[in-house]
C-alpha atoms as a PDB file:
ATOM      1  CA  PRO A   1      -0.157   0.094   0.012  1.00  0.00           C
ATOM      2  CA  LEU A   2       1.267   3.413  -0.773  1.00  0.00           C
ATOM      3  CA  GLU A   3       0.236   6.241   2.352  1.00  0.00           C
ATOM      4  CA  ILE A   4      -1.639   9.470   0.688  1.00  0.00           C
ATOM      5  CA  THR A   5      -0.692  12.716   3.376  1.00  0.00           C
ATOM      6  CA  ALA A   6      -2.121  15.179   1.453  1.00  0.00           C
ATOM      7  CA  ASP A   7      -3.757  16.436  -1.991  1.00  0.00           C
ATOM      8  CA  THR A   8      -2.864  13.902  -4.720  1.00  0.00           C
ATOM      9  CA  THR A   9      -3.254  13.635  -8.457  1.00  0.00           C
ATOM     10  CA  LEU A  10      -3.805  10.114  -9.506  1.00  0.00           C
ATOM     11  CA  ALA A  11      -0.619   8.747 -11.504  1.00  0.00           C
ATOM     12  CA  ALA A  12       0.702   5.485 -13.297  1.00  0.00           C
ATOM     13  CA  THR A  13       2.391   4.569 -10.130  1.00  0.00           C
ATOM     14  CA  HIS A  14      -1.440   4.258  -8.017  1.00  0.00           C
ATOM     15  CA  HIS A  15      -2.287   1.450 -10.847  1.00  0.00           C
ATOM     16  CA  ARG A  16      -3.789  -1.821  -9.166  1.00  0.00           C
ATOM     17  CA  ARG A  17      -2.414  -0.062  -5.512  1.00  0.00           C
ATOM     18  CA  THR A  18      -4.347   0.576  -2.569  1.00  0.00           C
ATOM     19  CA  LEU A  19      -3.818   3.980  -1.322  1.00  0.00           C
ATOM     20  CA  TYR A  20      -3.976   4.822   2.384  1.00  0.00           C
ATOM     21  CA  ALA A  21      -5.231   8.025   3.028  1.00  0.00           C
ATOM     22  CA  THR A  22      -4.410   8.949   6.365  1.00  0.00           C
ATOM     23  CA  ALA A  23      -4.899  12.810   6.272  1.00  0.00           C
ATOM     24  CA  GLN A  24      -7.141  15.054   4.534  1.00  0.00           C
ATOM     25  CA  ALA A  25      -6.995  14.603   1.012  1.00  0.00           C
ATOM     26  CA  VAL A  26      -8.373  15.224  -2.577  1.00  0.00           C
ATOM     27  CA  LEU A  27      -7.737  12.828  -5.115  1.00  0.00           C
ATOM     28  CA  THR A  28      -7.648  14.608  -8.728  1.00  0.00           C
ATOM     29  CA  LEU A  29      -8.575  12.357 -11.626  1.00  0.00           C
ATOM     30  CA  ASP A  30      -5.830  12.775 -14.504  1.00  0.00           C
ATOM     31  CA  ASP A  31      -7.401  11.871 -17.994  1.00  0.00           C
ATOM     32  CA  ALA A  32      -4.234  11.255 -18.984  1.00  0.00           C
ATOM     33  CA  LEU A  33      -3.973   7.867 -17.233  1.00  0.00           C
ATOM     34  CA  PRO A  34      -5.325   4.895 -19.489  1.00  0.00           C
ATOM     35  CA  ALA A  35      -8.499   3.362 -19.637  1.00  0.00           C
ATOM     36  CA  GLY A  36      -8.441   0.429 -17.115  1.00  0.00           C
ATOM     37  CA  PHE A  37      -6.455   2.423 -14.959  1.00  0.00           C
ATOM     38  CA  VAL A  38      -7.709   1.061 -11.247  1.00  0.00           C
ATOM     39  CA  CYS A  39      -6.779   1.890  -7.611  1.00  0.00           C
ATOM     40  CA  GLY A  40      -8.447   1.624  -4.040  1.00  0.00           C
ATOM     41  CA  VAL A  41      -8.501   4.085  -1.484  1.00  0.00           C
ATOM     42  CA  VAL A  42      -8.955   3.209   2.233  1.00  0.00           C
ATOM     43  CA  ARG A  43      -9.904   6.376   4.670  1.00  0.00           C
ATOM     44  CA  MET A  44      -7.613   6.179   7.815  1.00  0.00           C
ATOM     45  CA  THR A  45      -8.212   9.584   9.055  1.00  0.00           C
ATOM     46  CA  GLU A  46     -11.185  11.336  10.510  1.00  0.00           C
ATOM     47  CA  SER A  47     -10.534  14.143   7.901  1.00  0.00           C
ATOM     48  CA  ALA A  48     -12.685  14.004   4.368  1.00  0.00           C
ATOM     49  CA  VAL A  49     -10.923  11.913   1.506  1.00  0.00           C
ATOM     50  CA  THR A  50     -12.644  13.349  -1.947  1.00  0.00           C
ATOM     51  CA  THR A  51     -12.154  13.239  -5.360  1.00  0.00           C
ATOM     52  CA  ASP A  52     -11.778  16.136  -7.876  1.00  0.00           C
ATOM     53  CA  LYS A  53     -13.601  15.147 -11.510  1.00  0.00           C
ATOM     54  CA  THR A  54     -12.591  18.507 -13.004  1.00  0.00           C
ATOM     55  CA  GLY A  55     -13.117  18.278 -16.391  1.00  0.00           C
ATOM     56  CA  ASN A  56     -14.167  14.356 -16.402  1.00  0.00           C
ATOM     57  CA  THR A  57     -17.477  12.566 -15.771  1.00  0.00           C
ATOM     58  CA  LEU A  58     -17.349  10.201 -12.503  1.00  0.00           C
ATOM     59  CA  PHE A  59     -20.417   7.985 -12.215  1.00  0.00           C
ATOM     60  CA  GLY A  60     -20.911   6.337  -8.765  1.00  0.00           C
ATOM     61  CA  ILE A  61     -24.257   5.497  -6.467  1.00  0.00           C
ATOM     62  CA  ASP A  62     -25.622   9.067  -7.204  1.00  0.00           C
ATOM     63  CA  GLY A  63     -24.771   9.807 -10.630  1.00  0.00           C
ATOM     64  CA  ASP A  64     -22.303  12.177 -12.107  1.00  0.00           C
ATOM     65  CA  SER A  65     -20.712  14.279  -9.089  1.00  0.00           C
ATOM     66  CA  ASP A  66     -17.253  14.078  -6.858  1.00  0.00           C
ATOM     67  CA  TYR A  67     -17.369  11.636  -4.094  1.00  0.00           C
ATOM     68  CA  SER A  68     -16.055  10.959  -0.431  1.00  0.00           C
ATOM     69  CA  ILE A  69     -15.192   8.063   1.071  1.00  0.00           C
ATOM     70  CA  ALA A  70     -17.920   8.261   3.632  1.00  0.00           C
ATOM     71  CA  ASP A  71     -16.905   6.651   6.930  1.00  0.00           C
ATOM     72  CA  ASN A  72     -13.326   6.349   8.391  1.00  0.00           C
ATOM     73  CA  GLY A  73     -11.610   2.708   7.720  1.00  0.00           C
ATOM     74  CA  THR A  74     -13.944   1.968   4.710  1.00  0.00           C
ATOM     75  CA  TYR A  75     -12.966   2.084   1.048  1.00  0.00           C
ATOM     76  CA  MET A  76     -13.650   3.192  -2.550  1.00  0.00           C
ATOM     77  CA  ALA A  77     -12.298   1.852  -5.810  1.00  0.00           C
ATOM     78  CA  ILE A  78     -11.670   4.240  -8.658  1.00  0.00           C
ATOM     79  CA  GLU A  79     -11.791   3.200 -12.587  1.00  0.00           C
ATOM     80  CA  LYS A  80     -11.196   4.628 -15.915  1.00  0.00           C
ATOM     81  CA  LEU A  81     -13.785   3.798 -18.074  1.00  0.00           C
ATOM     82  CA  ALA A  82     -12.672   5.864 -21.287  1.00  0.00           C
ATOM     83  CA  ASN A  83     -11.696   9.276 -21.951  1.00  0.00           C
ATOM     84  CA  GLY A  84     -13.284  11.604 -19.539  1.00  0.00           C
ATOM     85  CA  LEU A  85     -14.961   8.812 -18.091  1.00  0.00           C
ATOM     86  CA  TRP A  86     -14.670   7.319 -14.565  1.00  0.00           C
ATOM     87  CA  ALA A  87     -16.681   5.262 -12.050  1.00  0.00           C
ATOM     88  CA  VAL A  88     -15.958   5.097  -8.214  1.00  0.00           C
ATOM     89  CA  ALA A  89     -17.715   2.336  -5.766  1.00  0.00           C
ATOM     90  CA  GLY A  90     -17.602   1.503  -2.066  1.00  0.00           C
ATOM     91  CA  ASN A  91     -18.672   3.212   0.759  1.00  0.00           C
ATOM     92  CA  VAL A  92     -18.814   6.592  -0.782  1.00  0.00           C
ATOM     93  CA  GLU A  93     -21.540   9.731  -0.789  1.00  0.00           C
ATOM     94  CA  ALA A  94     -21.805  12.142  -3.197  1.00  0.00           C
ATOM     95  CA  VAL A  95     -20.239  15.607  -2.669  1.00  0.00           C
ATOM     96  CA  GLY A  96     -22.886  18.776  -2.998  1.00  0.00           C
ATOM     97  CA  VAL A  97     -25.610  16.727  -3.799  1.00  0.00           C
END
């Protein structure tokens, strides 16, 4: 696993890895990554861990939105489906909906 301690742009080094967010973090989706990119994120903090989908579509349980991991100690998976199209699953909640 890789530790995340601050805002992070997802990169090729995160592919097929589990990221442990131990502090508040915004995870930016980088559309330069290839389709099929996938990573998992575990929230290991009381602080928010959210996505930044700027310029992309991010589908989850509540449709196209940014998402946060709902609870400390829980998980979300992020996958790039195609250019500009991502999906998120797990214990997530939409941000700003």
